[in-house]
């Protein structure tokens, strides 16, 4: 809640299903929490009761779903419950589009995606990323970087930043693997 209000969005490698909570209800609640000024009740901050009107929210949701080429019936499904890998990732991109965070940390967003889903998700990230949204994309593979062009590439091993470069570093890693980085930096796996 506090991190979301501050503009941070986390996209997980394996998002958890939430049976009984529709995509639309989850997104409206999350948006209202993000937009509402926090009030204190003595035990901490709680969202105020103000929020986006249902009619206005439905229009916003339809607009964002159309951009992501999602069927409107998706909004009535339970969040991530029985979703394919691609549907989970598209739901996260939809969340980003609705919540408009300032920073998105995306953990292995390419995990479990077929080529069509990878393109759709990448198109969504590319459409959202820019001056108002910085994206930290965590991946082990070059494939997603064919669609989402990085400004910087960093290699971390055991929580340590070992190497930084531009997009060419990702291509070198694809060609050579990670062992040469460990050897260069004298790091044991």
C-alpha atoms as a PDB file:
ATOM      1  CA  UNK A   1       0.000   0.000   0.000  1.00  0.00           C
ATOM      2  CA  UNK A   2       2.680   2.495   1.046  1.00  0.00           C
ATOM      3  CA  UNK A   3       4.994   1.506  -1.813  1.00  0.00           C
ATOM      4  CA  UNK A   4       2.170   1.678  -4.310  1.00  0.00           C
ATOM      5  CA  UNK A   5       1.245   5.165  -3.131  1.00  0.00           C
ATOM      6  CA  UNK A   6       4.882   6.148  -3.629  1.00  0.00           C
ATOM      7  CA  UNK A   7       4.641   4.968  -7.253  1.00  0.00           C
ATOM      8  CA  UNK A   8       6.333   1.555  -7.082  1.00  0.00           C
ATOM      9  CA  UNK A   9       4.902  -1.410  -8.984  1.00  0.00           C
ATOM     10  CA  UNK A  10       6.153  -4.990  -8.600  1.00  0.00           C
ATOM     11  CA  UNK A  11       5.442  -7.601 -11.268  1.00  0.00           C
ATOM     12  CA  UNK A  12       6.241 -11.077  -9.990  1.00  0.00           C
ATOM     13  CA  UNK A  13       7.625 -14.033 -11.920  1.00  0.00           C
ATOM     14  CA  UNK A  14       4.712 -16.186 -10.760  1.00  0.00           C
ATOM     15  CA  UNK A  15       1.746 -13.975  -9.763  1.00  0.00           C
ATOM     16  CA  UNK A  16      -0.562 -15.576  -7.219  1.00  0.00           C
ATOM     17  CA  UNK A  17      -4.198 -16.336  -8.041  1.00  0.00           C
ATOM     18  CA  UNK A  18      -6.882 -14.666  -5.936  1.00  0.00           C
ATOM     19  CA  UNK A  19     -10.121 -16.666  -6.250  1.00  0.00           C
ATOM     20  CA  UNK A  20     -13.245 -14.599  -5.582  1.00  0.00           C
ATOM     21  CA  UNK A  21     -11.720 -11.235  -6.526  1.00  0.00           C
ATOM     22  CA  UNK A  22     -12.360 -10.145 -10.097  1.00  0.00           C
ATOM     23  CA  UNK A  23      -9.731  -8.342 -12.136  1.00  0.00           C
ATOM     24  CA  UNK A  24     -12.008  -5.285 -12.317  1.00  0.00           C
ATOM     25  CA  UNK A  25     -12.683  -5.177  -8.554  1.00  0.00           C
ATOM     26  CA  UNK A  26      -9.014  -5.651  -7.740  1.00  0.00           C
ATOM     27  CA  UNK A  27      -7.946  -2.898 -10.124  1.00  0.00           C
ATOM     28  CA  UNK A  28     -10.582  -0.422  -8.937  1.00  0.00           C
ATOM     29  CA  UNK A  29      -9.649  -1.020  -5.296  1.00  0.00           C
ATOM     30  CA  UNK A  30      -5.939  -0.730  -6.078  1.00  0.00           C
ATOM     31  CA  UNK A  31      -6.482   2.459  -8.079  1.00  0.00           C
ATOM     32  CA  UNK A  32      -8.626   4.013  -5.356  1.00  0.00           C
ATOM     33  CA  UNK A  33      -5.946   3.185  -2.800  1.00  0.00           C
ATOM     34  CA  UNK A  34      -3.219   4.621  -5.023  1.00  0.00           C
ATOM     35  CA  UNK A  35      -5.145   7.822  -5.744  1.00  0.00           C
ATOM     36  CA  UNK A  36      -6.681   8.454  -2.338  1.00  0.00           C
ATOM     37  CA  UNK A  37      -4.755  10.547   0.145  1.00  0.00           C
ATOM     38  CA  UNK A  38      -3.881   8.554   3.223  1.00  0.00           C
ATOM     39  CA  UNK A  39      -5.637   9.407   6.445  1.00  0.00           C
ATOM     40  CA  UNK A  40      -4.475   8.295   9.857  1.00  0.00           C
ATOM     41  CA  UNK A  41      -6.636   6.477  12.347  1.00  0.00           C
ATOM     42  CA  UNK A  42      -4.131   6.393  15.179  1.00  0.00           C
ATOM     43  CA  UNK A  43      -2.713   3.019  14.160  1.00  0.00           C
ATOM     44  CA  UNK A  44      -1.362   4.033  10.754  1.00  0.00           C
ATOM     45  CA  UNK A  45      -2.383   5.273   7.332  1.00  0.00           C
ATOM     46  CA  UNK A  46      -5.618   4.074   5.778  1.00  0.00           C
ATOM     47  CA  UNK A  47      -7.049   5.052   2.404  1.00  0.00           C
ATOM     48  CA  UNK A  48      -9.768   7.655   2.395  1.00  0.00           C
ATOM     49  CA  UNK A  49     -13.258   6.732   1.181  1.00  0.00           C
ATOM     50  CA  UNK A  50     -13.005   8.865  -1.964  1.00  0.00           C
ATOM     51  CA  UNK A  51     -12.268   7.169  -5.245  1.00  0.00           C
ATOM     52  CA  UNK A  52     -12.925   6.870  -8.931  1.00  0.00           C
ATOM     53  CA  UNK A  53     -16.590   6.530  -9.877  1.00  0.00           C
ATOM     54  CA  UNK A  54     -17.591   3.087 -11.180  1.00  0.00           C
ATOM     55  CA  UNK A  55     -18.705   4.445 -14.573  1.00  0.00           C
ATOM     56  CA  UNK A  56     -15.455   6.379 -15.021  1.00  0.00           C
ATOM     57  CA  UNK A  57     -13.435   3.330 -13.955  1.00  0.00           C
ATOM     58  CA  UNK A  58     -15.230   1.023 -16.408  1.00  0.00           C
ATOM     59  CA  UNK A  59     -14.427   3.432 -19.262  1.00  0.00           C
ATOM     60  CA  UNK A  60     -10.775   3.585 -18.200  1.00  0.00           C
ATOM     61  CA  UNK A  61     -10.596  -0.198 -17.906  1.00  0.00           C
ATOM     62  CA  UNK A  62     -12.183  -0.740 -21.338  1.00  0.00           C
ATOM     63  CA  UNK A  63      -9.760   1.739 -22.895  1.00  0.00           C
ATOM     64  CA  UNK A  64      -6.658   0.099 -21.385  1.00  0.00           C
ATOM     65  CA  UNK A  65      -7.898  -3.407 -22.211  1.00  0.00           C
ATOM     66  CA  UNK A  66      -8.452  -2.391 -25.842  1.00  0.00           C
ATOM     67  CA  UNK A  67      -4.891  -1.078 -26.064  1.00  0.00           C
ATOM     68  CA  UNK A  68      -3.612  -4.422 -24.734  1.00  0.00           C
ATOM     69  CA  UNK A  69      -5.946  -6.355 -27.069  1.00  0.00           C
ATOM     70  CA  UNK A  70      -7.762  -7.994 -24.160  1.00  0.00           C
ATOM     71  CA  UNK A  71     -11.330  -9.234 -24.327  1.00  0.00           C
ATOM     72  CA  UNK A  72     -13.635  -7.290 -21.978  1.00  0.00           C
ATOM     73  CA  UNK A  73     -14.763 -10.536 -20.336  1.00  0.00           C
ATOM     74  CA  UNK A  74     -11.271 -10.767 -18.832  1.00  0.00           C
ATOM     75  CA  UNK A  75     -12.267  -8.047 -16.321  1.00  0.00           C
ATOM     76  CA  UNK A  76     -14.871 -10.359 -14.757  1.00  0.00           C
ATOM     77  CA  UNK A  77     -12.485 -13.269 -14.211  1.00  0.00           C
ATOM     78  CA  UNK A  78     -10.914 -13.913 -10.833  1.00  0.00           C
ATOM     79  CA  UNK A  79      -7.431 -12.393 -10.633  1.00  0.00           C
ATOM     80  CA  UNK A  80      -4.817 -14.855 -11.932  1.00  0.00           C
ATOM     81  CA  UNK A  81      -7.091 -17.788 -11.027  1.00  0.00           C
ATOM     82  CA  UNK A  82      -6.656 -20.361 -13.786  1.00  0.00           C
ATOM     83  CA  UNK A  83      -4.835 -17.842 -15.988  1.00  0.00           C
ATOM     84  CA  UNK A  84      -2.241 -19.006 -18.474  1.00  0.00           C
ATOM     85  CA  UNK A  85       1.269 -17.581 -18.144  1.00  0.00           C
ATOM     86  CA  UNK A  86       0.512 -15.049 -20.861  1.00  0.00           C
ATOM     87  CA  UNK A  87      -2.776 -13.998 -19.250  1.00  0.00           C
ATOM     88  CA  UNK A  88      -1.033 -13.419 -15.911  1.00  0.00           C
ATOM     89  CA  UNK A  89       1.589 -11.229 -17.538  1.00  0.00           C
ATOM     90  CA  UNK A  90      -1.005  -9.303 -19.545  1.00  0.00           C
ATOM     91  CA  UNK A  91      -2.957  -8.771 -16.309  1.00  0.00           C
ATOM     92  CA  UNK A  92       0.182  -7.245 -14.789  1.00  0.00           C
ATOM     93  CA  UNK A  93       0.640  -4.938 -17.772  1.00  0.00           C
ATOM     94  CA  UNK A  94      -3.020  -3.952 -17.400  1.00  0.00           C
ATOM     95  CA  UNK A  95      -2.364  -3.184 -13.723  1.00  0.00           C
ATOM     96  CA  UNK A  96       0.555  -0.958 -14.723  1.00  0.00           C
ATOM     97  CA  UNK A  97      -1.589   0.824 -17.307  1.00  0.00           C
ATOM     98  CA  UNK A  98      -4.341   1.498 -14.758  1.00  0.00           C
ATOM     99  CA  UNK A  99      -2.178   2.342 -11.733  1.00  0.00           C
ATOM    100  CA  UNK A 100       0.409   4.463 -13.586  1.00  0.00           C
ATOM    101  CA  UNK A 101       3.376   3.810 -11.313  1.00  0.00           C
ATOM    102  CA  UNK A 102       6.582   5.816 -11.566  1.00  0.00           C
ATOM    103  CA  UNK A 103       8.850   2.761 -11.261  1.00  0.00           C
ATOM    104  CA  UNK A 104       8.025  -0.809 -12.289  1.00  0.00           C
ATOM    105  CA  UNK A 105      10.172  -3.741 -11.176  1.00  0.00           C
ATOM    106  CA  UNK A 106       9.376  -6.658 -13.446  1.00  0.00           C
ATOM    107  CA  UNK A 107      10.768  -9.998 -12.290  1.00  0.00           C
ATOM    108  CA  UNK A 108      11.280 -12.388 -15.200  1.00  0.00           C
ATOM    109  CA  UNK A 109       8.265 -11.121 -17.085  1.00  0.00           C
ATOM    110  CA  UNK A 110       9.256 -13.342 -20.020  1.00  0.00           C
ATOM    111  CA  UNK A 111       8.982 -16.537 -17.958  1.00  0.00           C
ATOM    112  CA  UNK A 112       6.457 -18.976 -19.415  1.00  0.00           C
ATOM    113  CA  UNK A 113       5.436 -16.813 -22.383  1.00  0.00           C
ATOM    114  CA  UNK A 114       4.988 -18.106 -25.901  1.00  0.00           C
ATOM    115  CA  UNK A 115       6.117 -15.838 -28.743  1.00  0.00           C
ATOM    116  CA  UNK A 116       2.684 -14.239 -29.264  1.00  0.00           C
ATOM    117  CA  UNK A 117       2.243 -13.439 -25.557  1.00  0.00           C
ATOM    118  CA  UNK A 118       5.819 -12.147 -25.399  1.00  0.00           C
ATOM    119  CA  UNK A 119       5.102  -9.688 -28.207  1.00  0.00           C
ATOM    120  CA  UNK A 120       1.855  -8.475 -26.637  1.00  0.00           C
ATOM    121  CA  UNK A 121       3.436  -8.025 -23.206  1.00  0.00           C
ATOM    122  CA  UNK A 122       6.472  -6.299 -24.734  1.00  0.00           C
ATOM    123  CA  UNK A 123       4.237  -3.954 -26.719  1.00  0.00           C
ATOM    124  CA  UNK A 124       2.441  -3.077 -23.475  1.00  0.00           C
ATOM    125  CA  UNK A 125       5.684  -2.381 -21.608  1.00  0.00           C
ATOM    126  CA  UNK A 126       6.994  -0.288 -24.516  1.00  0.00           C
ATOM    127  CA  UNK A 127       3.761   1.710 -24.648  1.00  0.00           C
ATOM    128  CA  UNK A 128       3.934   2.476 -20.924  1.00  0.00           C
ATOM    129  CA  UNK A 129       7.675   3.019 -20.387  1.00  0.00           C
ATOM    130  CA  UNK A 130       9.014   6.517 -20.835  1.00  0.00           C
ATOM    131  CA  UNK A 131       9.579   9.746 -18.943  1.00  0.00           C
ATOM    132  CA  UNK A 132       6.722   8.981 -16.524  1.00  0.00           C
ATOM    133  CA  UNK A 133       7.578   5.296 -15.977  1.00  0.00           C
ATOM    134  CA  UNK A 134      10.992   3.776 -15.413  1.00  0.00           C
ATOM    135  CA  UNK A 135      11.199  -0.006 -15.839  1.00  0.00           C
ATOM    136  CA  UNK A 136      13.646  -2.377 -14.165  1.00  0.00           C
ATOM    137  CA  UNK A 137      13.291  -5.578 -16.172  1.00  0.00           C
ATOM    138  CA  UNK A 138      14.864  -8.677 -14.641  1.00  0.00           C
ATOM    139  CA  UNK A 139      15.542 -11.460 -17.125  1.00  0.00           C
ATOM    140  CA  UNK A 140      17.980 -14.270 -17.839  1.00  0.00           C
ATOM    141  CA  UNK A 141      17.367 -14.309 -21.570  1.00  0.00           C
ATOM    142  CA  UNK A 142      17.997 -12.093 -24.560  1.00  0.00           C
ATOM    143  CA  UNK A 143      14.694 -12.961 -26.232  1.00  0.00           C
ATOM    144  CA  UNK A 144      12.549 -10.322 -24.490  1.00  0.00           C
ATOM    145  CA  UNK A 145      15.231  -7.726 -25.204  1.00  0.00           C
ATOM    146  CA  UNK A 146      14.542  -8.212 -28.910  1.00  0.00           C
ATOM    147  CA  UNK A 147      11.222  -6.476 -28.188  1.00  0.00           C
ATOM    148  CA  UNK A 148      12.006  -4.229 -25.215  1.00  0.00           C
ATOM    149  CA  UNK A 149      15.185  -2.284 -25.899  1.00  0.00           C
ATOM    150  CA  UNK A 150      17.151  -1.629 -22.702  1.00  0.00           C
ATOM    151  CA  UNK A 151      19.077   1.552 -22.033  1.00  0.00           C
ATOM    152  CA  UNK A 152      21.360  -0.258 -19.574  1.00  0.00           C
ATOM    153  CA  UNK A 153      22.187  -3.899 -18.868  1.00  0.00           C
ATOM    154  CA  UNK A 154      23.509  -4.978 -15.467  1.00  0.00           C
ATOM    155  CA  UNK A 155      24.713  -8.406 -14.348  1.00  0.00           C
ATOM    156  CA  UNK A 156      24.177  -9.366 -10.729  1.00  0.00           C
ATOM    157  CA  UNK A 157      25.518 -12.494  -9.049  1.00  0.00           C
ATOM    158  CA  UNK A 158      24.753 -13.343  -5.426  1.00  0.00           C
ATOM    159  CA  UNK A 159      23.360  -9.864  -4.834  1.00  0.00           C
ATOM    160  CA  UNK A 160      26.452  -8.108  -6.207  1.00  0.00           C
ATOM    161  CA  UNK A 161      26.496  -5.916  -9.301  1.00  0.00           C
ATOM    162  CA  UNK A 162      29.377  -7.344 -11.340  1.00  0.00           C
ATOM    163  CA  UNK A 163      29.104  -5.768 -14.738  1.00  0.00           C
ATOM    164  CA  UNK A 164      27.225  -2.952 -16.467  1.00  0.00           C
ATOM    165  CA  UNK A 165      26.928  -1.940 -20.081  1.00  0.00           C
ATOM    166  CA  UNK A 166      24.561  -1.118 -22.869  1.00  0.00           C
ATOM    167  CA  UNK A 167      22.334  -3.371 -24.979  1.00  0.00           C
ATOM    168  CA  UNK A 168      25.427  -4.957 -26.532  1.00  0.00           C
ATOM    169  CA  UNK A 169      26.203  -6.584 -23.158  1.00  0.00           C
ATOM    170  CA  UNK A 170      22.963  -8.590 -23.365  1.00  0.00           C
ATOM    171  CA  UNK A 171      23.999  -9.862 -26.798  1.00  0.00           C
ATOM    172  CA  UNK A 172      27.421 -10.832 -25.479  1.00  0.00           C
ATOM    173  CA  UNK A 173      25.831 -12.695 -22.566  1.00  0.00           C
ATOM    174  CA  UNK A 174      23.572 -14.548 -24.974  1.00  0.00           C
ATOM    175  CA  UNK A 175      26.589 -15.591 -27.040  1.00  0.00           C
ATOM    176  CA  UNK A 176      28.995 -16.399 -24.189  1.00  0.00           C
ATOM    177  CA  UNK A 177      26.831 -17.205 -21.166  1.00  0.00           C
ATOM    178  CA  UNK A 178      27.618 -15.983 -17.644  1.00  0.00           C
ATOM    179  CA  UNK A 179      30.734 -18.008 -16.774  1.00  0.00           C
ATOM    180  CA  UNK A 180      33.122 -15.478 -18.290  1.00  0.00           C
ATOM    181  CA  UNK A 181      31.658 -12.765 -16.043  1.00  0.00           C
ATOM    182  CA  UNK A 182      32.218 -14.917 -12.950  1.00  0.00           C
ATOM    183  CA  UNK A 183      35.781 -15.701 -14.061  1.00  0.00           C
ATOM    184  CA  UNK A 184      36.522 -12.057 -14.864  1.00  0.00           C
ATOM    185  CA  UNK A 185      35.233 -10.949 -11.472  1.00  0.00           C
ATOM    186  CA  UNK A 186      36.622 -14.021  -9.671  1.00  0.00           C
ATOM    187  CA  UNK A 187      33.240 -15.070  -8.320  1.00  0.00           C
ATOM    188  CA  UNK A 188      32.347 -18.663  -7.519  1.00  0.00           C
ATOM    189  CA  UNK A 189      28.801 -19.843  -8.271  1.00  0.00           C
END
